[in-house]
Amino acid sequence: MKRKAAIFLFLVFMIFLPDLFTFLTFAAGEYDCPSGKHKYTDTIITNPTQSKDGEIKHTCDLCGHFYVQIMPAAGHQWGEWIIDKEPSCALPGQRHRDCTATALTHSEYAETAPLGHEYSEAVKEPSCTQDGAKTYTCSRCGHSYTQPFGQAFGHKYHTETIAPDAKDKEGALVYRCDLCGDSYDEPLPSHQYEITEEIKAGCGHDGQITYTCKIYGDTYSEFFPATGHNWGEWITDERENLTHTGHKYRICGHDGSHVEHQSIPAGITMEITPAAIAVNTGSLILAVVSAGILFGEYSVLSRERKARKKRTELMKNGGAKLEG
């Protein structure tokens, strides 16, 4: 009894072996073709007969993938195809159908062609720093790939100068792109001033120093008040006396070309110096002598007037009386 059961199981296994082989071969071939869709060439291995299935081999010309399909015997009565796996964009689907002619189940397996991708296009324009690109995305499975679309064209900068706002501050040279607004700065040196004009303060006018920046050309000035005269001591170059006006002068210590002159009225000088004493003594002697001469002359004139007066009176009274 056990032997009959074993023989029965062996016969069942041999009946289903071709179908199992076909299924395993089909399952092993489930991978993506480089083109996205297999291109098969069919080769008949054995032709079916009225009572025996045949075999046909399907081989992809692009990638070499193959599977063997059972060609049912003429006596099969096939049912409707049953979808085992839906096809995707890149992979084929799987289906089978069963024979209902006998109690033993015969099945036929087949692939369904891949659907193929349905791409939509998205364009990224090139910019100053990035290349452009076209991206294609499948609306069914999300698969995408990118192709170049134009090279980056680089920045187009113009410059703006920001001068320093203080003597010891740096300025900046700003580069700004006209296309995208990108910017960067380069520092500019601080002001470097040099003296371009100098007017020294004098006794009667203010002084001024003008500084000019040799980088930016701007200027500023410092002013200094007039110094005023710095007079030295009076120097008498001509002494006055009782009858003659004297003269004196003094020199400015800041500017020797500035000289102040003054006259000394005639009279006895009040200076107490050897020269002044000599001048005063000489003037006094001269005054005394002059006074003596004047007095003598006055006395002589007085006597002469008196004598003339007396003779005149005598002449009026008669000459005899004058003689007596």
C-alpha atoms as a PDB file:
ATOM      1  CA  MET A   1       0.000   0.000   0.000  1.00  0.00           C
ATOM      2  CA  LYS A   2       2.811   2.412   0.910  1.00  0.00           C
ATOM      3  CA  ARG A   3       4.541   1.613  -2.337  1.00  0.00           C
ATOM      4  CA  LYS A   4       1.443   2.551  -4.372  1.00  0.00           C
ATOM      5  CA  ALA A   5       1.172   5.893  -2.463  1.00  0.00           C
ATOM      6  CA  ALA A   6       4.802   6.687  -3.211  1.00  0.00           C
ATOM      7  CA  ILE A   7       4.355   5.909  -6.887  1.00  0.00           C
ATOM      8  CA  PHE A   8       1.281   8.155  -6.970  1.00  0.00           C
ATOM      9  CA  LEU A   9       3.148  11.095  -5.385  1.00  0.00           C
ATOM     10  CA  PHE A  10       6.035  10.636  -7.823  1.00  0.00           C
ATOM     11  CA  LEU A  11       3.646  10.756 -10.809  1.00  0.00           C
ATOM     12  CA  VAL A  12       2.009  13.948  -9.441  1.00  0.00           C
ATOM     13  CA  PHE A  13       5.467  15.543  -8.992  1.00  0.00           C
ATOM     14  CA  MET A  14       6.474  14.665 -12.557  1.00  0.00           C
ATOM     15  CA  ILE A  15       3.216  16.145 -13.894  1.00  0.00           C
ATOM     16  CA  PHE A  16       3.785  19.499 -12.121  1.00  0.00           C
ATOM     17  CA  LEU A  17       7.572  19.643 -12.665  1.00  0.00           C
ATOM     18  CA  PRO A  18       7.369  21.529 -16.039  1.00  0.00           C
ATOM     19  CA  ASP A  19       4.969  24.071 -14.569  1.00  0.00           C
ATOM     20  CA  LEU A  20       7.229  24.564 -11.516  1.00  0.00           C
ATOM     21  CA  PHE A  21      10.269  24.994 -13.741  1.00  0.00           C
ATOM     22  CA  THR A  22       8.444  27.597 -15.848  1.00  0.00           C
ATOM     23  CA  PHE A  23       7.369  29.490 -12.730  1.00  0.00           C
ATOM     24  CA  LEU A  24      10.887  29.542 -11.232  1.00  0.00           C
ATOM     25  CA  THR A  25      12.393  30.625 -14.535  1.00  0.00           C
ATOM     26  CA  PHE A  26       9.847  33.422 -14.858  1.00  0.00           C
ATOM     27  CA  ALA A  27      10.387  34.593 -11.295  1.00  0.00           C
ATOM     28  CA  ALA A  28      14.174  34.601 -11.714  1.00  0.00           C
ATOM     29  CA  GLY A  29      13.842  36.879 -14.749  1.00  0.00           C
ATOM     30  CA  GLU A  30      12.085  39.678 -12.882  1.00  0.00           C
ATOM     31  CA  TYR A  31      14.513  42.598 -13.208  1.00  0.00           C
ATOM     32  CA  ASP A  32      14.651  45.908 -15.015  1.00  0.00           C
ATOM     33  CA  CYS A  33      15.793  45.965 -18.626  1.00  0.00           C
ATOM     34  CA  PRO A  34      18.249  48.827 -19.421  1.00  0.00           C
ATOM     35  CA  SER A  35      15.814  50.140 -22.014  1.00  0.00           C
ATOM     36  CA  GLY A  36      12.946  50.041 -19.540  1.00  0.00           C
ATOM     37  CA  LYS A  37      11.089  47.412 -21.605  1.00  0.00           C
ATOM     38  CA  HIS A  38      12.135  43.894 -22.692  1.00  0.00           C
ATOM     39  CA  LYS A  39      12.294  43.032 -26.382  1.00  0.00           C
ATOM     40  CA  TYR A  40      11.741  39.307 -26.684  1.00  0.00           C
ATOM     41  CA  THR A  41      12.507  36.841 -29.500  1.00  0.00           C
ATOM     42  CA  ASP A  42      10.564  33.532 -29.332  1.00  0.00           C
ATOM     43  CA  THR A  43      12.154  30.117 -29.933  1.00  0.00           C
ATOM     44  CA  ILE A  44      10.017  26.921 -29.982  1.00  0.00           C
ATOM     45  CA  ILE A  45      11.620  24.138 -27.973  1.00  0.00           C
ATOM     46  CA  THR A  46       8.891  21.518 -28.519  1.00  0.00           C
ATOM     47  CA  ASN A  47       5.612  21.792 -30.340  1.00  0.00           C
ATOM     48  CA  PRO A  48       2.498  20.811 -28.416  1.00  0.00           C
ATOM     49  CA  THR A  49       0.449  17.774 -29.426  1.00  0.00           C
ATOM     50  CA  GLN A  50      -3.112  16.871 -28.800  1.00  0.00           C
ATOM     51  CA  SER A  51      -2.226  15.341 -25.467  1.00  0.00           C
ATOM     52  CA  LYS A  52       1.172  16.823 -24.604  1.00  0.00           C
ATOM     53  CA  ASP A  53       2.224  20.369 -23.877  1.00  0.00           C
ATOM     54  CA  GLY A  54       4.981  22.018 -25.870  1.00  0.00           C
ATOM     55  CA  GLU A  55       7.536  24.641 -24.767  1.00  0.00           C
ATOM     56  CA  ILE A  56       8.526  28.032 -26.183  1.00  0.00           C
ATOM     57  CA  LYS A  57      11.488  30.137 -24.987  1.00  0.00           C
ATOM     58  CA  HIS A  58      11.249  33.958 -24.831  1.00  0.00           C
ATOM     59  CA  THR A  59      14.687  35.704 -24.844  1.00  0.00           C
ATOM     60  CA  CYS A  60      15.210  39.494 -24.533  1.00  0.00           C
ATOM     61  CA  ASP A  61      17.480  40.766 -27.319  1.00  0.00           C
ATOM     62  CA  LEU A  62      18.615  43.667 -25.129  1.00  0.00           C
ATOM     63  CA  CYS A  63      19.598  42.120 -21.823  1.00  0.00           C
ATOM     64  CA  GLY A  64      19.451  38.327 -22.352  1.00  0.00           C
ATOM     65  CA  HIS A  65      16.637  37.742 -19.862  1.00  0.00           C
ATOM     66  CA  PHE A  66      14.533  34.677 -20.825  1.00  0.00           C
ATOM     67  CA  TYR A  67      11.736  32.521 -19.614  1.00  0.00           C
ATOM     68  CA  VAL A  68      10.156  29.291 -20.904  1.00  0.00           C
ATOM     69  CA  GLN A  69       6.433  29.218 -21.547  1.00  0.00           C
ATOM     70  CA  ILE A  70       4.329  26.079 -21.763  1.00  0.00           C
ATOM     71  CA  MET A  71       2.434  25.660 -24.997  1.00  0.00           C
ATOM     72  CA  PRO A  72      -0.648  23.737 -23.859  1.00  0.00           C
ATOM     73  CA  ALA A  73      -1.759  20.580 -25.618  1.00  0.00           C
ATOM     74  CA  ALA A  74      -4.592  20.962 -28.025  1.00  0.00           C
ATOM     75  CA  GLY A  75      -6.900  19.269 -25.625  1.00  0.00           C
ATOM     76  CA  HIS A  76      -6.547  21.964 -22.851  1.00  0.00           C
ATOM     77  CA  GLN A  77      -9.537  24.069 -21.929  1.00  0.00           C
ATOM     78  CA  TRP A  78      -8.053  27.247 -20.462  1.00  0.00           C
ATOM     79  CA  GLY A  79      -9.821  29.511 -18.049  1.00  0.00           C
ATOM     80  CA  GLU A  80      -9.444  33.287 -17.711  1.00  0.00           C
ATOM     81  CA  TRP A  81      -6.051  34.850 -17.099  1.00  0.00           C
ATOM     82  CA  ILE A  82      -5.368  35.633 -13.445  1.00  0.00           C
ATOM     83  CA  ILE A  83      -3.053  38.582 -12.621  1.00  0.00           C
ATOM     84  CA  ASP A  84      -0.390  37.503 -10.145  1.00  0.00           C
ATOM     85  CA  LYS A  85       1.605  40.775 -10.276  1.00  0.00           C
ATOM     86  CA  GLU A  86       0.756  44.052 -11.951  1.00  0.00           C
ATOM     87  CA  PRO A  87       3.414  45.377 -14.335  1.00  0.00           C
ATOM     88  CA  SER A  88       5.330  48.514 -13.314  1.00  0.00           C
ATOM     89  CA  CYS A  89       6.915  51.216 -15.422  1.00  0.00           C
ATOM     90  CA  ALA A  90      10.128  49.209 -15.853  1.00  0.00           C
ATOM     91  CA  LEU A  91       9.276  45.623 -14.834  1.00  0.00           C
ATOM     92  CA  PRO A  92       6.892  43.187 -16.540  1.00  0.00           C
ATOM     93  CA  GLY A  93       3.859  41.811 -14.718  1.00  0.00           C
ATOM     94  CA  GLN A  94       2.956  38.164 -14.106  1.00  0.00           C
ATOM     95  CA  ARG A  95      -0.218  36.192 -14.905  1.00  0.00           C
ATOM     96  CA  HIS A  96      -1.414  32.604 -15.222  1.00  0.00           C
ATOM     97  CA  ARG A  97      -4.422  30.529 -16.322  1.00  0.00           C
ATOM     98  CA  ASP A  98      -5.547  27.053 -15.433  1.00  0.00           C
ATOM     99  CA  CYS A  99      -6.740  24.164 -17.608  1.00  0.00           C
ATOM    100  CA  THR A 100     -10.141  22.755 -16.639  1.00  0.00           C
ATOM    101  CA  ALA A 101     -10.216  19.820 -19.056  1.00  0.00           C
ATOM    102  CA  THR A 102      -9.065  17.187 -16.542  1.00  0.00           C
ATOM    103  CA  ALA A 103      -8.965  16.688 -12.853  1.00  0.00           C
ATOM    104  CA  LEU A 104      -5.227  17.284 -12.908  1.00  0.00           C
ATOM    105  CA  THR A 105      -4.418  21.018 -12.823  1.00  0.00           C
ATOM    106  CA  HIS A 106      -2.387  22.326 -15.715  1.00  0.00           C
ATOM    107  CA  SER A 107      -1.364  26.010 -15.520  1.00  0.00           C
ATOM    108  CA  GLU A 108       0.151  28.412 -18.024  1.00  0.00           C
ATOM    109  CA  TYR A 109       2.271  31.366 -16.926  1.00  0.00           C
ATOM    110  CA  ALA A 110       3.061  34.521 -18.892  1.00  0.00           C
ATOM    111  CA  GLU A 111       4.561  37.997 -18.474  1.00  0.00           C
ATOM    112  CA  THR A 112       2.782  41.256 -19.253  1.00  0.00           C
ATOM    113  CA  ALA A 113       4.843  44.034 -20.820  1.00  0.00           C
ATOM    114  CA  PRO A 114       6.144  46.916 -18.615  1.00  0.00           C
ATOM    115  CA  LEU A 115       4.019  50.033 -18.737  1.00  0.00           C
ATOM    116  CA  GLY A 116       6.889  52.410 -19.481  1.00  0.00           C
ATOM    117  CA  HIS A 117       7.527  55.727 -17.700  1.00  0.00           C
ATOM    118  CA  GLU A 118       5.366  58.797 -18.141  1.00  0.00           C
ATOM    119  CA  TYR A 119       7.772  61.676 -17.590  1.00  0.00           C
ATOM    120  CA  SER A 120       7.006  65.321 -16.906  1.00  0.00           C
ATOM    121  CA  GLU A 121       9.708  67.941 -17.471  1.00  0.00           C
ATOM    122  CA  ALA A 122      10.917  70.562 -14.966  1.00  0.00           C
ATOM    123  CA  VAL A 123      13.440  73.183 -16.119  1.00  0.00           C
ATOM    124  CA  LYS A 124      15.946  74.939 -13.875  1.00  0.00           C
ATOM    125  CA  GLU A 125      17.489  77.916 -15.643  1.00  0.00           C
ATOM    126  CA  PRO A 126      21.239  78.498 -15.275  1.00  0.00           C
ATOM    127  CA  SER A 127      22.314  81.217 -12.837  1.00  0.00           C
ATOM    128  CA  CYS A 128      25.494  83.130 -12.052  1.00  0.00           C
ATOM    129  CA  THR A 129      26.947  80.246 -10.046  1.00  0.00           C
ATOM    130  CA  GLN A 130      24.966  77.125 -11.012  1.00  0.00           C
ATOM    131  CA  ASP A 131      24.464  75.238 -14.259  1.00  0.00           C
ATOM    132  CA  GLY A 132      20.952  74.773 -15.556  1.00  0.00           C
ATOM    133  CA  ALA A 133      19.198  71.392 -15.614  1.00  0.00           C
ATOM    134  CA  LYS A 134      16.139  69.600 -16.948  1.00  0.00           C
ATOM    135  CA  THR A 135      14.628  67.061 -14.570  1.00  0.00           C
ATOM    136  CA  TYR A 136      12.278  64.363 -15.844  1.00  0.00           C
ATOM    137  CA  THR A 137      10.001  62.704 -13.257  1.00  0.00           C
ATOM    138  CA  CYS A 138       7.656  59.799 -13.827  1.00  0.00           C
ATOM    139  CA  SER A 139       4.112  60.570 -12.685  1.00  0.00           C
ATOM    140  CA  ARG A 140       3.430  56.886 -11.903  1.00  0.00           C
ATOM    141  CA  CYS A 141       6.482  55.651  -9.981  1.00  0.00           C
ATOM    142  CA  GLY A 142       8.443  58.822  -9.153  1.00  0.00           C
ATOM    143  CA  HIS A 143      11.566  57.714 -11.024  1.00  0.00           C
ATOM    144  CA  SER A 144      13.555  60.741 -12.215  1.00  0.00           C
ATOM    145  CA  TYR A 145      16.742  61.671 -14.024  1.00  0.00           C
ATOM    146  CA  THR A 146      18.427  64.958 -14.852  1.00  0.00           C
ATOM    147  CA  GLN A 147      20.095  66.330 -17.964  1.00  0.00           C
ATOM    148  CA  PRO A 148      22.272  69.487 -18.191  1.00  0.00           C
ATOM    149  CA  PHE A 149      20.641  72.623 -19.549  1.00  0.00           C
ATOM    150  CA  GLY A 150      23.051  75.544 -19.989  1.00  0.00           C
ATOM    151  CA  GLN A 151      26.194  76.497 -18.086  1.00  0.00           C
ATOM    152  CA  ALA A 152      26.520  79.053 -15.277  1.00  0.00           C
ATOM    153  CA  PHE A 153      27.235  82.448 -16.846  1.00  0.00           C
ATOM    154  CA  GLY A 154      29.102  84.070 -13.923  1.00  0.00           C
ATOM    155  CA  HIS A 155      28.535  87.274 -11.980  1.00  0.00           C
ATOM    156  CA  LYS A 156      28.499  90.719 -13.614  1.00  0.00           C
ATOM    157  CA  TYR A 157      29.739  93.074 -10.919  1.00  0.00           C
ATOM    158  CA  HIS A 158      29.758  96.856 -10.734  1.00  0.00           C
ATOM    159  CA  THR A 159      31.643  98.726  -8.015  1.00  0.00           C
ATOM    160  CA  GLU A 160      30.490 101.246  -5.432  1.00  0.00           C
ATOM    161  CA  THR A 161      32.994 103.237  -3.364  1.00  0.00           C
ATOM    162  CA  ILE A 162      32.205 104.020   0.266  1.00  0.00           C
ATOM    163  CA  ALA A 163      34.723 106.602   1.464  1.00  0.00           C
ATOM    164  CA  PRO A 164      35.841 106.560   5.116  1.00  0.00           C
ATOM    165  CA  ASP A 165      33.606 108.682   7.364  1.00  0.00           C
ATOM    166  CA  ALA A 166      36.439 109.635   9.727  1.00  0.00           C
ATOM    167  CA  LYS A 167      40.165 110.301   9.521  1.00  0.00           C
ATOM    168  CA  ASP A 168      41.157 107.004  11.142  1.00  0.00           C
ATOM    169  CA  LYS A 169      38.430 104.772   9.637  1.00  0.00           C
ATOM    170  CA  GLU A 170      38.676 102.506   6.598  1.00  0.00           C
ATOM    171  CA  GLY A 171      36.357 102.751   3.622  1.00  0.00           C
ATOM    172  CA  ALA A 172      35.100  99.986   1.361  1.00  0.00           C
ATOM    173  CA  LEU A 173      34.928  99.078  -2.306  1.00  0.00           C
ATOM    174  CA  VAL A 174      31.640  97.202  -2.800  1.00  0.00           C
ATOM    175  CA  TYR A 175      31.223  94.769  -5.706  1.00  0.00           C
ATOM    176  CA  ARG A 176      27.540  94.117  -6.525  1.00  0.00           C
ATOM    177  CA  CYS A 177      26.221  91.728  -9.213  1.00  0.00           C
ATOM    178  CA  ASP A 178      23.695  93.308 -11.591  1.00  0.00           C
ATOM    179  CA  LEU A 179      22.078  89.918 -12.229  1.00  0.00           C
ATOM    180  CA  CYS A 180      21.546  88.301  -8.832  1.00  0.00           C
ATOM    181  CA  GLY A 181      22.441  90.997  -6.284  1.00  0.00           C
ATOM    182  CA  ASP A 182      25.355  89.059  -4.787  1.00  0.00           C
ATOM    183  CA  SER A 183      27.928  91.375  -3.229  1.00  0.00           C
ATOM    184  CA  TYR A 184      31.239  91.414  -1.401  1.00  0.00           C
ATOM    185  CA  ASP A 185      33.502  94.150  -0.012  1.00  0.00           C
ATOM    186  CA  GLU A 186      37.163  95.016  -0.250  1.00  0.00           C
ATOM    187  CA  PRO A 187      38.553  97.372   2.426  1.00  0.00           C
ATOM    188  CA  LEU A 188      39.920 100.745   1.369  1.00  0.00           C
ATOM    189  CA  PRO A 189      42.724 102.371   3.393  1.00  0.00           C
ATOM    190  CA  SER A 190      41.955 105.175   5.804  1.00  0.00           C
ATOM    191  CA  HIS A 191      42.744 108.806   4.942  1.00  0.00           C
ATOM    192  CA  GLN A 192      46.414 109.687   4.432  1.00  0.00           C
ATOM    193  CA  TYR A 193      46.796 113.424   4.850  1.00  0.00           C
ATOM    194  CA  GLU A 194      49.743 115.625   3.986  1.00  0.00           C
ATOM    195  CA  ILE A 195      50.310 119.361   4.408  1.00  0.00           C
ATOM    196  CA  THR A 196      49.569 121.152   1.149  1.00  0.00           C
ATOM    197  CA  GLU A 197      49.452 124.757   2.389  1.00  0.00           C
ATOM    198  CA  GLU A 198      50.891 126.471   5.460  1.00  0.00           C
ATOM    199  CA  ILE A 199      50.490 130.120   6.474  1.00  0.00           C
ATOM    200  CA  LYS A 200      52.271 130.954   9.700  1.00  0.00           C
ATOM    201  CA  ALA A 201      50.471 133.160  12.191  1.00  0.00           C
ATOM    202  CA  GLY A 202      51.887 136.697  12.218  1.00  0.00           C
ATOM    203  CA  CYS A 203      51.662 139.684  14.480  1.00  0.00           C
ATOM    204  CA  GLY A 204      48.520 140.935  12.776  1.00  0.00           C
ATOM    205  CA  HIS A 205      47.081 137.934  10.873  1.00  0.00           C
ATOM    206  CA  ASP A 206      45.934 134.396  11.721  1.00  0.00           C
ATOM    207  CA  GLY A 207      47.833 131.291  10.656  1.00  0.00           C
ATOM    208  CA  GLN A 208      46.437 128.320   8.734  1.00  0.00           C
ATOM    209  CA  ILE A 209      47.583 124.766   7.843  1.00  0.00           C
ATOM    210  CA  THR A 210      45.664 122.910   5.099  1.00  0.00           C
ATOM    211  CA  TYR A 211      45.802 119.104   4.949  1.00  0.00           C
ATOM    212  CA  THR A 212      44.835 117.159   1.776  1.00  0.00           C
ATOM    213  CA  CYS A 213      44.229 113.391   1.591  1.00  0.00           C
ATOM    214  CA  LYS A 214      46.455 111.979  -1.135  1.00  0.00           C
ATOM    215  CA  ILE A 215      44.038 109.058  -1.632  1.00  0.00           C
ATOM    216  CA  TYR A 216      40.579 110.664  -1.716  1.00  0.00           C
ATOM    217  CA  GLY A 217      41.477 114.346  -2.278  1.00  0.00           C
ATOM    218  CA  ASP A 218      39.371 115.791   0.559  1.00  0.00           C
ATOM    219  CA  THR A 219      40.852 118.599   2.683  1.00  0.00           C
ATOM    220  CA  TYR A 220      40.532 120.184   6.099  1.00  0.00           C
ATOM    221  CA  SER A 221      42.280 123.157   7.742  1.00  0.00           C
ATOM    222  CA  GLU A 222      43.557 124.152  11.171  1.00  0.00           C
ATOM    223  CA  PHE A 223      43.636 127.822  12.152  1.00  0.00           C
ATOM    224  CA  PHE A 224      45.941 129.603  14.600  1.00  0.00           C
ATOM    225  CA  PRO A 225      45.271 133.069  16.081  1.00  0.00           C
ATOM    226  CA  ALA A 226      47.555 136.063  15.364  1.00  0.00           C
ATOM    227  CA  THR A 227      50.509 136.201  17.736  1.00  0.00           C
ATOM    228  CA  GLY A 228      50.438 139.992  18.297  1.00  0.00           C
ATOM    229  CA  HIS A 229      53.596 142.139  18.521  1.00  0.00           C
ATOM    230  CA  ASN A 230      56.358 141.244  20.942  1.00  0.00           C
ATOM    231  CA  TRP A 231      57.962 144.625  21.349  1.00  0.00           C
ATOM    232  CA  GLY A 232      61.473 144.966  22.687  1.00  0.00           C
ATOM    233  CA  GLU A 233      62.870 147.873  24.777  1.00  0.00           C
ATOM    234  CA  TRP A 234      62.753 151.418  23.399  1.00  0.00           C
ATOM    235  CA  ILE A 235      65.971 152.440  21.719  1.00  0.00           C
ATOM    236  CA  THR A 236      66.749 156.185  21.607  1.00  0.00           C
ATOM    237  CA  ASP A 237      68.686 156.980  18.472  1.00  0.00           C
ATOM    238  CA  GLU A 238      68.394 160.795  18.785  1.00  0.00           C
ATOM    239  CA  ARG A 239      68.321 162.663  22.126  1.00  0.00           C
ATOM    240  CA  GLU A 240      65.950 165.516  22.707  1.00  0.00           C
ATOM    241  CA  ASN A 241      67.097 168.773  24.329  1.00  0.00           C
ATOM    242  CA  LEU A 242      65.545 172.015  25.397  1.00  0.00           C
ATOM    243  CA  THR A 243      65.158 173.155  21.796  1.00  0.00           C
ATOM    244  CA  HIS A 244      65.258 169.960  19.724  1.00  0.00           C
ATOM    245  CA  THR A 245      62.847 167.022  19.456  1.00  0.00           C
ATOM    246  CA  GLY A 246      64.376 163.554  19.981  1.00  0.00           C
ATOM    247  CA  HIS A 247      63.496 160.146  18.433  1.00  0.00           C
ATOM    248  CA  LYS A 248      63.211 156.559  19.677  1.00  0.00           C
ATOM    249  CA  TYR A 249      62.086 153.168  18.249  1.00  0.00           C
ATOM    250  CA  ARG A 250      61.486 149.553  19.267  1.00  0.00           C
ATOM    251  CA  ILE A 251      61.587 146.259  17.273  1.00  0.00           C
ATOM    252  CA  CYS A 252      59.078 143.343  17.354  1.00  0.00           C
ATOM    253  CA  GLY A 253      60.608 140.087  18.567  1.00  0.00           C
ATOM    254  CA  HIS A 254      58.384 138.039  16.205  1.00  0.00           C
ATOM    255  CA  ASP A 255      59.187 139.957  13.038  1.00  0.00           C
ATOM    256  CA  GLY A 256      62.244 142.207  12.812  1.00  0.00           C
ATOM    257  CA  SER A 257      60.684 144.142   9.968  1.00  0.00           C
ATOM    258  CA  HIS A 258      58.067 145.554  12.336  1.00  0.00           C
ATOM    259  CA  VAL A 259      59.490 148.738  13.916  1.00  0.00           C
ATOM    260  CA  GLU A 260      57.544 151.284  15.955  1.00  0.00           C
ATOM    261  CA  HIS A 261      58.832 154.889  15.936  1.00  0.00           C
ATOM    262  CA  GLN A 262      58.088 157.701  18.423  1.00  0.00           C
ATOM    263  CA  SER A 263      59.357 161.251  18.741  1.00  0.00           C
ATOM    264  CA  ILE A 264      60.623 162.652  22.075  1.00  0.00           C
ATOM    265  CA  PRO A 265      59.332 166.172  22.796  1.00  0.00           C
ATOM    266  CA  ALA A 266      61.967 168.903  23.338  1.00  0.00           C
ATOM    267  CA  GLY A 267      62.778 169.601  27.014  1.00  0.00           C
ATOM    268  CA  ILE A 268      64.822 168.158  29.802  1.00  0.00           C
ATOM    269  CA  THR A 269      64.862 164.422  29.528  1.00  0.00           C
ATOM    270  CA  MET A 270      63.781 162.448  32.547  1.00  0.00           C
ATOM    271  CA  GLU A 271      66.019 159.495  31.841  1.00  0.00           C
ATOM    272  CA  ILE A 272      68.702 158.871  34.459  1.00  0.00           C
ATOM    273  CA  THR A 273      71.579 157.532  32.434  1.00  0.00           C
ATOM    274  CA  PRO A 274      75.088 158.910  31.915  1.00  0.00           C
ATOM    275  CA  ALA A 275      74.160 160.025  28.437  1.00  0.00           C
ATOM    276  CA  ALA A 276      70.932 161.602  29.697  1.00  0.00           C
ATOM    277  CA  ILE A 277      72.789 163.355  32.554  1.00  0.00           C
ATOM    278  CA  ALA A 278      75.356 164.723  30.084  1.00  0.00           C
ATOM    279  CA  VAL A 279      72.610 165.911  27.797  1.00  0.00           C
ATOM    280  CA  ASN A 280      70.701 167.474  30.676  1.00  0.00           C
ATOM    281  CA  THR A 281      73.858 169.155  32.074  1.00  0.00           C
ATOM    282  CA  GLY A 282      74.774 170.540  28.682  1.00  0.00           C
ATOM    283  CA  SER A 283      71.232 171.744  28.221  1.00  0.00           C
ATOM    284  CA  LEU A 284      71.294 173.430  31.658  1.00  0.00           C
ATOM    285  CA  ILE A 285      74.614 175.156  30.992  1.00  0.00           C
ATOM    286  CA  LEU A 286      73.352 176.247  27.634  1.00  0.00           C
ATOM    287  CA  ALA A 287      70.242 177.569  29.266  1.00  0.00           C
ATOM    288  CA  VAL A 288      72.210 179.466  31.934  1.00  0.00           C
ATOM    289  CA  VAL A 289      74.594 180.944  29.395  1.00  0.00           C
ATOM    290  CA  SER A 290      71.729 181.844  27.121  1.00  0.00           C
ATOM    291  CA  ALA A 291      69.937 183.422  30.045  1.00  0.00           C
ATOM    292  CA  GLY A 292      73.080 185.386  31.019  1.00  0.00           C
ATOM    293  CA  ILE A 293      73.531 186.628  27.488  1.00  0.00           C
ATOM    294  CA  LEU A 294      69.915 187.589  27.260  1.00  0.00           C
ATOM    295  CA  PHE A 295      70.098 189.295  30.645  1.00  0.00           C
ATOM    296  CA  GLY A 296      73.268 191.175  29.642  1.00  0.00           C
ATOM    297  CA  GLU A 297      71.724 192.231  26.388  1.00  0.00           C
ATOM    298  CA  TYR A 298      68.610 193.290  28.228  1.00  0.00           C
ATOM    299  CA  SER A 299      70.660 195.321  30.717  1.00  0.00           C
ATOM    300  CA  VAL A 300      72.579 197.101  27.938  1.00  0.00           C
ATOM    301  CA  LEU A 301      69.372 197.843  26.104  1.00  0.00           C
ATOM    302  CA  SER A 302      67.805 199.146  29.291  1.00  0.00           C
ATOM    303  CA  ARG A 303      70.697 201.541  29.941  1.00  0.00           C
ATOM    304  CA  GLU A 304      70.649 202.704  26.384  1.00  0.00           C
ATOM    305  CA  ARG A 305      66.915 203.398  26.563  1.00  0.00           C
ATOM    306  CA  LYS A 306      67.382 205.315  29.800  1.00  0.00           C
ATOM    307  CA  ALA A 307      70.236 207.375  28.291  1.00  0.00           C
ATOM    308  CA  ARG A 308      68.171 208.150  25.166  1.00  0.00           C
ATOM    309  CA  LYS A 309      65.260 209.160  27.321  1.00  0.00           C
ATOM    310  CA  LYS A 310      67.394 211.494  29.429  1.00  0.00           C
ATOM    311  CA  ARG A 311      68.917 213.204  26.377  1.00  0.00           C
ATOM    312  CA  THR A 312      65.498 213.676  24.933  1.00  0.00           C
ATOM    313  CA  GLU A 313      64.287 215.408  28.095  1.00  0.00           C
ATOM    314  CA  LEU A 314      67.338 217.672  28.223  1.00  0.00           C
ATOM    315  CA  MET A 315      66.822 218.708  24.648  1.00  0.00           C
ATOM    316  CA  LYS A 316      63.310 219.733  25.495  1.00  0.00           C
ATOM    317  CA  ASN A 317      64.471 221.909  28.419  1.00  0.00           C
ATOM    318  CA  GLY A 318      67.120 223.705  26.424  1.00  0.00           C
ATOM    319  CA  GLY A 319      70.659 223.104  25.722  1.00  0.00           C
ATOM    320  CA  ALA A 320      72.081 225.654  28.256  1.00  0.00           C
ATOM    321  CA  LYS A 321      70.390 224.083  31.070  1.00  0.00           C
ATOM    322  CA  LEU A 322      71.655 220.804  29.721  1.00  0.00           C
ATOM    323  CA  GLU A 323      75.196 222.095  29.766  1.00  0.00           C
ATOM    324  CA  GLY A 324      74.947 223.450  33.336  1.00  0.00           C
END
